[in-house]
């Protein structure tokens, strides 16, 4: 059995017993595929991890940068109390349209606000609203701008808030200081920012699974 097949089998086993997809989640994935969106949503076990982190943290307000079809949004929003709030920023109007339908079908549209446009444009607009600090920020958008998104997350959070950055391993290429891939450079910049910023305490975890070899960074605002 190949390594990747074994990773898939283990992921399937864990998902079946610990993070089973329900109809709303399965429908979100079906609609995403039918609309031709890239197959880059988090896995069920990763979605459950996001939900657990939000619940453990007692998050009442969540900011998501990168909505795609709303699959991760559903996992995160389900961790919120009835008066919670999740704002999700999505670059693509097409993706946002699919996500909005998926979120409404999951019965979460009263908790979730999907905003369309480049995040580096919508983040300043959000800051101008002077919202209460977000308890959790999940960054899963264009990787070239990861460091900029971490900087904005810092502006929109307070001490004790949690910042999660997805897809930081880049198949191992994150360790290549000489690489010229913008996504790798942006991810390295984010990791180095987390490591050097006086208001952040963080770490990064490598993972394997049905999405291959990757990982995420986790940082607490101090």
C-alpha atoms as a PDB file:
ATOM      1  CA  UNK A   1       0.000   0.000   0.000  1.00  0.00           C
ATOM      2  CA  UNK A   2       1.378   3.405  -0.968  1.00  0.00           C
ATOM      3  CA  UNK A   3       1.889   6.093   1.649  1.00  0.00           C
ATOM      4  CA  UNK A   4      -0.773   8.328   0.140  1.00  0.00           C
ATOM      5  CA  UNK A   5      -3.333   5.494   0.068  1.00  0.00           C
ATOM      6  CA  UNK A   6      -2.589   4.760   3.707  1.00  0.00           C
ATOM      7  CA  UNK A   7      -3.066   8.437   4.570  1.00  0.00           C
ATOM      8  CA  UNK A   8      -6.437   8.358   2.770  1.00  0.00           C
ATOM      9  CA  UNK A   9      -7.510   5.217   4.612  1.00  0.00           C
ATOM     10  CA  UNK A  10      -6.573   6.640   8.011  1.00  0.00           C
ATOM     11  CA  UNK A  11      -8.348   9.919   7.218  1.00  0.00           C
ATOM     12  CA  UNK A  12     -11.457   7.977   6.179  1.00  0.00           C
ATOM     13  CA  UNK A  13     -11.373   5.972   9.418  1.00  0.00           C
ATOM     14  CA  UNK A  14     -10.990   9.057  11.606  1.00  0.00           C
ATOM     15  CA  UNK A  15     -13.648  10.974   9.671  1.00  0.00           C
ATOM     16  CA  UNK A  16     -16.141   8.119   9.926  1.00  0.00           C
ATOM     17  CA  UNK A  17     -15.861   7.872  13.690  1.00  0.00           C
ATOM     18  CA  UNK A  18     -14.942  11.420  14.760  1.00  0.00           C
ATOM     19  CA  UNK A  19     -16.068  13.896  12.103  1.00  0.00           C
ATOM     20  CA  UNK A  20     -18.824  12.412   9.944  1.00  0.00           C
ATOM     21  CA  UNK A  21     -20.239  14.702   7.267  1.00  0.00           C
ATOM     22  CA  UNK A  22     -23.950  15.402   7.603  1.00  0.00           C
ATOM     23  CA  UNK A  23     -26.264  16.352   4.751  1.00  0.00           C
ATOM     24  CA  UNK A  24     -25.496  20.083   4.907  1.00  0.00           C
ATOM     25  CA  UNK A  25     -21.741  19.457   4.715  1.00  0.00           C
ATOM     26  CA  UNK A  26     -22.068  16.844   1.976  1.00  0.00           C
ATOM     27  CA  UNK A  27     -24.348  19.160  -0.023  1.00  0.00           C
ATOM     28  CA  UNK A  28     -21.780  21.957   0.308  1.00  0.00           C
ATOM     29  CA  UNK A  29     -19.125  19.707  -1.192  1.00  0.00           C
ATOM     30  CA  UNK A  30     -21.459  18.533  -3.969  1.00  0.00           C
ATOM     31  CA  UNK A  31     -22.432  22.081  -4.892  1.00  0.00           C
ATOM     32  CA  UNK A  32     -18.808  23.156  -4.827  1.00  0.00           C
ATOM     33  CA  UNK A  33     -17.864  20.413  -7.273  1.00  0.00           C
ATOM     34  CA  UNK A  34     -20.904  21.041  -9.482  1.00  0.00           C
ATOM     35  CA  UNK A  35     -19.942  24.720  -9.716  1.00  0.00           C
ATOM     36  CA  UNK A  36     -16.401  23.816 -10.754  1.00  0.00           C
ATOM     37  CA  UNK A  37     -14.751  25.255  -7.650  1.00  0.00           C
ATOM     38  CA  UNK A  38     -11.263  23.925  -6.828  1.00  0.00           C
ATOM     39  CA  UNK A  39     -11.237  20.876  -4.550  1.00  0.00           C
ATOM     40  CA  UNK A  40      -9.278  22.566  -1.785  1.00  0.00           C
ATOM     41  CA  UNK A  41     -11.741  22.669   1.098  1.00  0.00           C
ATOM     42  CA  UNK A  42     -10.519  21.487   4.470  1.00  0.00           C
ATOM     43  CA  UNK A  43     -11.067  17.801   5.196  1.00  0.00           C
ATOM     44  CA  UNK A  44     -13.769  16.693   7.660  1.00  0.00           C
ATOM     45  CA  UNK A  45     -11.200  16.073  10.396  1.00  0.00           C
ATOM     46  CA  UNK A  46      -9.657  19.495   9.771  1.00  0.00           C
ATOM     47  CA  UNK A  47     -13.108  21.087   9.878  1.00  0.00           C
ATOM     48  CA  UNK A  48     -13.813  19.331  13.166  1.00  0.00           C
ATOM     49  CA  UNK A  49     -10.470  20.585  14.507  1.00  0.00           C
ATOM     50  CA  UNK A  50     -11.450  24.168  13.618  1.00  0.00           C
ATOM     51  CA  UNK A  51     -14.794  23.682  15.334  1.00  0.00           C
ATOM     52  CA  UNK A  52     -13.181  22.240  18.463  1.00  0.00           C
ATOM     53  CA  UNK A  53     -10.617  25.023  18.644  1.00  0.00           C
ATOM     54  CA  UNK A  54     -13.383  27.609  18.418  1.00  0.00           C
ATOM     55  CA  UNK A  55     -15.402  25.802  21.089  1.00  0.00           C
ATOM     56  CA  UNK A  56     -12.429  25.307  23.421  1.00  0.00           C
ATOM     57  CA  UNK A  57     -11.599  28.976  23.006  1.00  0.00           C
ATOM     58  CA  UNK A  58     -15.192  29.986  23.675  1.00  0.00           C
ATOM     59  CA  UNK A  59     -15.234  32.044  20.478  1.00  0.00           C
ATOM     60  CA  UNK A  60     -18.194  34.357  19.975  1.00  0.00           C
ATOM     61  CA  UNK A  61     -16.807  36.255  16.965  1.00  0.00           C
ATOM     62  CA  UNK A  62     -14.854  34.666  14.112  1.00  0.00           C
ATOM     63  CA  UNK A  63     -13.176  36.151  11.047  1.00  0.00           C
ATOM     64  CA  UNK A  64     -12.484  33.847   8.111  1.00  0.00           C
ATOM     65  CA  UNK A  65     -10.281  34.997   5.247  1.00  0.00           C
ATOM     66  CA  UNK A  66     -11.109  32.768   2.277  1.00  0.00           C
ATOM     67  CA  UNK A  67     -14.623  31.301   2.078  1.00  0.00           C
ATOM     68  CA  UNK A  68     -14.522  29.103  -1.050  1.00  0.00           C
ATOM     69  CA  UNK A  69     -17.807  27.109  -0.921  1.00  0.00           C
ATOM     70  CA  UNK A  70     -18.398  27.684   2.783  1.00  0.00           C
ATOM     71  CA  UNK A  71     -17.454  24.191   3.990  1.00  0.00           C
ATOM     72  CA  UNK A  72     -15.026  25.398   6.659  1.00  0.00           C
ATOM     73  CA  UNK A  73     -17.401  28.275   7.386  1.00  0.00           C
ATOM     74  CA  UNK A  74     -20.124  25.809   8.353  1.00  0.00           C
ATOM     75  CA  UNK A  75     -17.799  23.925  10.710  1.00  0.00           C
ATOM     76  CA  UNK A  76     -16.705  27.175  12.367  1.00  0.00           C
ATOM     77  CA  UNK A  77     -20.159  28.755  12.569  1.00  0.00           C
ATOM     78  CA  UNK A  78     -21.527  25.660  14.302  1.00  0.00           C
ATOM     79  CA  UNK A  79     -19.155  26.417  17.182  1.00  0.00           C
ATOM     80  CA  UNK A  80     -20.744  29.815  17.801  1.00  0.00           C
ATOM     81  CA  UNK A  81     -23.484  30.641  20.307  1.00  0.00           C
ATOM     82  CA  UNK A  82     -26.861  31.797  19.025  1.00  0.00           C
ATOM     83  CA  UNK A  83     -25.774  35.442  19.256  1.00  0.00           C
ATOM     84  CA  UNK A  84     -22.339  34.834  17.729  1.00  0.00           C
ATOM     85  CA  UNK A  85     -21.017  36.314  14.504  1.00  0.00           C
ATOM     86  CA  UNK A  86     -18.794  35.051  11.714  1.00  0.00           C
ATOM     87  CA  UNK A  87     -17.559  37.317   8.912  1.00  0.00           C
ATOM     88  CA  UNK A  88     -16.048  35.498   5.939  1.00  0.00           C
ATOM     89  CA  UNK A  89     -14.151  37.313   3.197  1.00  0.00           C
ATOM     90  CA  UNK A  90     -14.148  35.832  -0.313  1.00  0.00           C
ATOM     91  CA  UNK A  91     -12.412  37.189  -3.412  1.00  0.00           C
ATOM     92  CA  UNK A  92     -14.595  35.464  -6.012  1.00  0.00           C
ATOM     93  CA  UNK A  93     -18.263  36.472  -6.489  1.00  0.00           C
ATOM     94  CA  UNK A  94     -18.938  32.995  -7.903  1.00  0.00           C
ATOM     95  CA  UNK A  95     -17.453  31.270  -4.873  1.00  0.00           C
ATOM     96  CA  UNK A  96     -19.323  33.617  -2.537  1.00  0.00           C
ATOM     97  CA  UNK A  97     -22.631  32.855  -4.265  1.00  0.00           C
ATOM     98  CA  UNK A  98     -22.124  29.105  -3.817  1.00  0.00           C
ATOM     99  CA  UNK A  99     -21.005  29.602  -0.216  1.00  0.00           C
ATOM    100  CA  UNK A 100     -23.989  31.785   0.654  1.00  0.00           C
ATOM    101  CA  UNK A 101     -26.396  29.092  -0.562  1.00  0.00           C
ATOM    102  CA  UNK A 102     -24.533  26.389   1.339  1.00  0.00           C
ATOM    103  CA  UNK A 103     -24.484  28.421   4.560  1.00  0.00           C
ATOM    104  CA  UNK A 104     -28.214  29.213   4.293  1.00  0.00           C
ATOM    105  CA  UNK A 105     -29.065  25.554   3.691  1.00  0.00           C
ATOM    106  CA  UNK A 106     -27.113  24.703   6.850  1.00  0.00           C
ATOM    107  CA  UNK A 107     -29.323  27.171   8.755  1.00  0.00           C
ATOM    108  CA  UNK A 108     -26.418  29.466   9.612  1.00  0.00           C
ATOM    109  CA  UNK A 109     -27.165  32.531   7.490  1.00  0.00           C
ATOM    110  CA  UNK A 110     -28.194  34.579  10.540  1.00  0.00           C
ATOM    111  CA  UNK A 111     -24.731  34.034  12.045  1.00  0.00           C
ATOM    112  CA  UNK A 112     -22.601  34.399   8.911  1.00  0.00           C
ATOM    113  CA  UNK A 113     -21.850  37.447   6.773  1.00  0.00           C
ATOM    114  CA  UNK A 114     -20.008  36.683   3.503  1.00  0.00           C
ATOM    115  CA  UNK A 115     -18.307  39.725   2.018  1.00  0.00           C
ATOM    116  CA  UNK A 116     -17.024  39.782  -1.550  1.00  0.00           C
ATOM    117  CA  UNK A 117     -13.842  41.364  -2.838  1.00  0.00           C
ATOM    118  CA  UNK A 118     -10.073  41.178  -2.437  1.00  0.00           C
ATOM    119  CA  UNK A 119      -9.425  40.712   1.270  1.00  0.00           C
ATOM    120  CA  UNK A 120      -6.800  43.444   1.301  1.00  0.00           C
ATOM    121  CA  UNK A 121      -9.623  45.791   0.242  1.00  0.00           C
ATOM    122  CA  UNK A 122     -12.378  44.414   2.484  1.00  0.00           C
ATOM    123  CA  UNK A 123     -10.190  44.174   5.605  1.00  0.00           C
ATOM    124  CA  UNK A 124      -9.659  47.970   5.814  1.00  0.00           C
ATOM    125  CA  UNK A 125     -13.399  48.435   5.268  1.00  0.00           C
ATOM    126  CA  UNK A 126     -14.075  46.016   8.098  1.00  0.00           C
ATOM    127  CA  UNK A 127     -11.600  47.832  10.350  1.00  0.00           C
ATOM    128  CA  UNK A 128     -13.396  51.119   9.606  1.00  0.00           C
ATOM    129  CA  UNK A 129     -16.514  49.606  11.174  1.00  0.00           C
ATOM    130  CA  UNK A 130     -14.566  49.317  14.434  1.00  0.00           C
ATOM    131  CA  UNK A 131     -15.929  45.850  15.275  1.00  0.00           C
ATOM    132  CA  UNK A 132     -15.296  44.224  18.654  1.00  0.00           C
ATOM    133  CA  UNK A 133     -12.060  42.187  18.577  1.00  0.00           C
ATOM    134  CA  UNK A 134     -12.438  38.820  16.885  1.00  0.00           C
ATOM    135  CA  UNK A 135     -11.861  35.835  19.143  1.00  0.00           C
ATOM    136  CA  UNK A 136     -10.586  33.625  16.302  1.00  0.00           C
ATOM    137  CA  UNK A 137      -9.240  34.314  12.816  1.00  0.00           C
ATOM    138  CA  UNK A 138      -8.906  31.531  10.222  1.00  0.00           C
ATOM    139  CA  UNK A 139      -6.665  32.445   7.267  1.00  0.00           C
ATOM    140  CA  UNK A 140      -7.096  30.237   4.192  1.00  0.00           C
ATOM    141  CA  UNK A 141      -6.869  32.510   1.150  1.00  0.00           C
ATOM    142  CA  UNK A 142      -4.152  33.353  -1.401  1.00  0.00           C
ATOM    143  CA  UNK A 143      -0.924  32.332   0.283  1.00  0.00           C
ATOM    144  CA  UNK A 144       1.216  35.076  -1.236  1.00  0.00           C
ATOM    145  CA  UNK A 145      -0.517  37.556   1.081  1.00  0.00           C
ATOM    146  CA  UNK A 146      -0.394  35.428   4.234  1.00  0.00           C
ATOM    147  CA  UNK A 147       1.854  37.834   6.131  1.00  0.00           C
ATOM    148  CA  UNK A 148      -0.459  40.745   5.289  1.00  0.00           C
ATOM    149  CA  UNK A 149      -3.427  38.736   6.541  1.00  0.00           C
ATOM    150  CA  UNK A 150      -1.636  37.961   9.807  1.00  0.00           C
ATOM    151  CA  UNK A 151      -0.909  41.674  10.235  1.00  0.00           C
ATOM    152  CA  UNK A 152      -4.588  42.487   9.692  1.00  0.00           C
ATOM    153  CA  UNK A 153      -5.600  39.712  12.073  1.00  0.00           C
ATOM    154  CA  UNK A 154      -3.474  41.391  14.727  1.00  0.00           C
ATOM    155  CA  UNK A 155      -5.254  44.689  14.152  1.00  0.00           C
ATOM    156  CA  UNK A 156      -8.667  43.061  14.481  1.00  0.00           C
ATOM    157  CA  UNK A 157      -8.021  40.923  17.573  1.00  0.00           C
ATOM    158  CA  UNK A 158      -6.939  41.430  21.172  1.00  0.00           C
ATOM    159  CA  UNK A 159      -4.909  39.566  23.792  1.00  0.00           C
ATOM    160  CA  UNK A 160      -6.042  35.966  23.989  1.00  0.00           C
ATOM    161  CA  UNK A 161      -7.378  35.771  20.429  1.00  0.00           C
ATOM    162  CA  UNK A 162      -6.414  32.813  18.255  1.00  0.00           C
ATOM    163  CA  UNK A 163      -5.053  33.015  14.684  1.00  0.00           C
ATOM    164  CA  UNK A 164      -4.907  29.918  12.457  1.00  0.00           C
ATOM    165  CA  UNK A 165      -3.095  29.901   9.109  1.00  0.00           C
ATOM    166  CA  UNK A 166      -3.806  26.925   6.833  1.00  0.00           C
ATOM    167  CA  UNK A 167      -1.602  25.221   4.224  1.00  0.00           C
ATOM    168  CA  UNK A 168       1.747  26.396   5.584  1.00  0.00           C
ATOM    169  CA  UNK A 169       3.894  23.372   4.633  1.00  0.00           C
ATOM    170  CA  UNK A 170       3.424  23.672   0.870  1.00  0.00           C
ATOM    171  CA  UNK A 171       4.496  20.059   0.346  1.00  0.00           C
ATOM    172  CA  UNK A 172       7.700  20.767   2.264  1.00  0.00           C
ATOM    173  CA  UNK A 173       8.701  23.706   0.093  1.00  0.00           C
ATOM    174  CA  UNK A 174       8.273  26.124   2.999  1.00  0.00           C
ATOM    175  CA  UNK A 175      11.762  25.082   4.134  1.00  0.00           C
ATOM    176  CA  UNK A 176      13.339  26.261   0.847  1.00  0.00           C
ATOM    177  CA  UNK A 177      14.674  29.754   1.473  1.00  0.00           C
ATOM    178  CA  UNK A 178      15.791  30.046  -2.156  1.00  0.00           C
ATOM    179  CA  UNK A 179      12.413  29.224  -3.696  1.00  0.00           C
ATOM    180  CA  UNK A 180      10.690  31.874  -5.792  1.00  0.00           C
ATOM    181  CA  UNK A 181       7.093  30.597  -5.557  1.00  0.00           C
ATOM    182  CA  UNK A 182       5.000  33.562  -4.293  1.00  0.00           C
ATOM    183  CA  UNK A 183       2.852  31.251  -2.169  1.00  0.00           C
ATOM    184  CA  UNK A 184       5.921  29.818  -0.455  1.00  0.00           C
ATOM    185  CA  UNK A 185       7.441  33.252   0.032  1.00  0.00           C
ATOM    186  CA  UNK A 186       4.194  34.588   1.481  1.00  0.00           C
ATOM    187  CA  UNK A 187       3.888  31.621   3.808  1.00  0.00           C
ATOM    188  CA  UNK A 188       7.498  31.944   4.980  1.00  0.00           C
ATOM    189  CA  UNK A 189       6.904  35.635   5.638  1.00  0.00           C
ATOM    190  CA  UNK A 190       3.868  34.767   7.758  1.00  0.00           C
ATOM    191  CA  UNK A 191       5.736  32.117   9.738  1.00  0.00           C
ATOM    192  CA  UNK A 192       8.652  34.465  10.362  1.00  0.00           C
ATOM    193  CA  UNK A 193       6.270  37.247  11.375  1.00  0.00           C
ATOM    194  CA  UNK A 194       4.571  34.961  13.896  1.00  0.00           C
ATOM    195  CA  UNK A 195       7.951  33.910  15.234  1.00  0.00           C
ATOM    196  CA  UNK A 196       9.309  37.429  15.648  1.00  0.00           C
ATOM    197  CA  UNK A 197       6.280  39.536  16.571  1.00  0.00           C
ATOM    198  CA  UNK A 198       6.172  40.504  20.261  1.00  0.00           C
ATOM    199  CA  UNK A 199       2.379  40.125  20.355  1.00  0.00           C
ATOM    200  CA  UNK A 200       2.301  36.598  18.974  1.00  0.00           C
ATOM    201  CA  UNK A 201       3.168  33.200  20.395  1.00  0.00           C
ATOM    202  CA  UNK A 202       2.826  30.448  17.830  1.00  0.00           C
ATOM    203  CA  UNK A 203       3.783  27.106  16.430  1.00  0.00           C
ATOM    204  CA  UNK A 204       3.264  25.089  13.247  1.00  0.00           C
ATOM    205  CA  UNK A 205       2.246  21.472  12.773  1.00  0.00           C
ATOM    206  CA  UNK A 206       2.952  19.217   9.789  1.00  0.00           C
ATOM    207  CA  UNK A 207       0.112  16.935   8.693  1.00  0.00           C
ATOM    208  CA  UNK A 208      -0.527  14.124   6.222  1.00  0.00           C
ATOM    209  CA  UNK A 209      -3.900  12.957   5.007  1.00  0.00           C
ATOM    210  CA  UNK A 210      -6.255  12.880   2.055  1.00  0.00           C
ATOM    211  CA  UNK A 211      -5.001  16.340   1.012  1.00  0.00           C
ATOM    212  CA  UNK A 212      -1.389  15.117   0.989  1.00  0.00           C
ATOM    213  CA  UNK A 213       1.496  16.603   2.949  1.00  0.00           C
ATOM    214  CA  UNK A 214       0.707  19.976   4.516  1.00  0.00           C
ATOM    215  CA  UNK A 215       0.109  21.628   7.867  1.00  0.00           C
ATOM    216  CA  UNK A 216      -1.067  24.715   9.711  1.00  0.00           C
ATOM    217  CA  UNK A 217       0.248  27.446  11.987  1.00  0.00           C
ATOM    218  CA  UNK A 218      -1.427  28.370  15.231  1.00  0.00           C
ATOM    219  CA  UNK A 219      -0.757  31.658  17.053  1.00  0.00           C
ATOM    220  CA  UNK A 220      -2.108  33.263  20.211  1.00  0.00           C
ATOM    221  CA  UNK A 221      -2.215  37.020  20.547  1.00  0.00           C
ATOM    222  CA  UNK A 222      -0.467  37.992  23.781  1.00  0.00           C
END
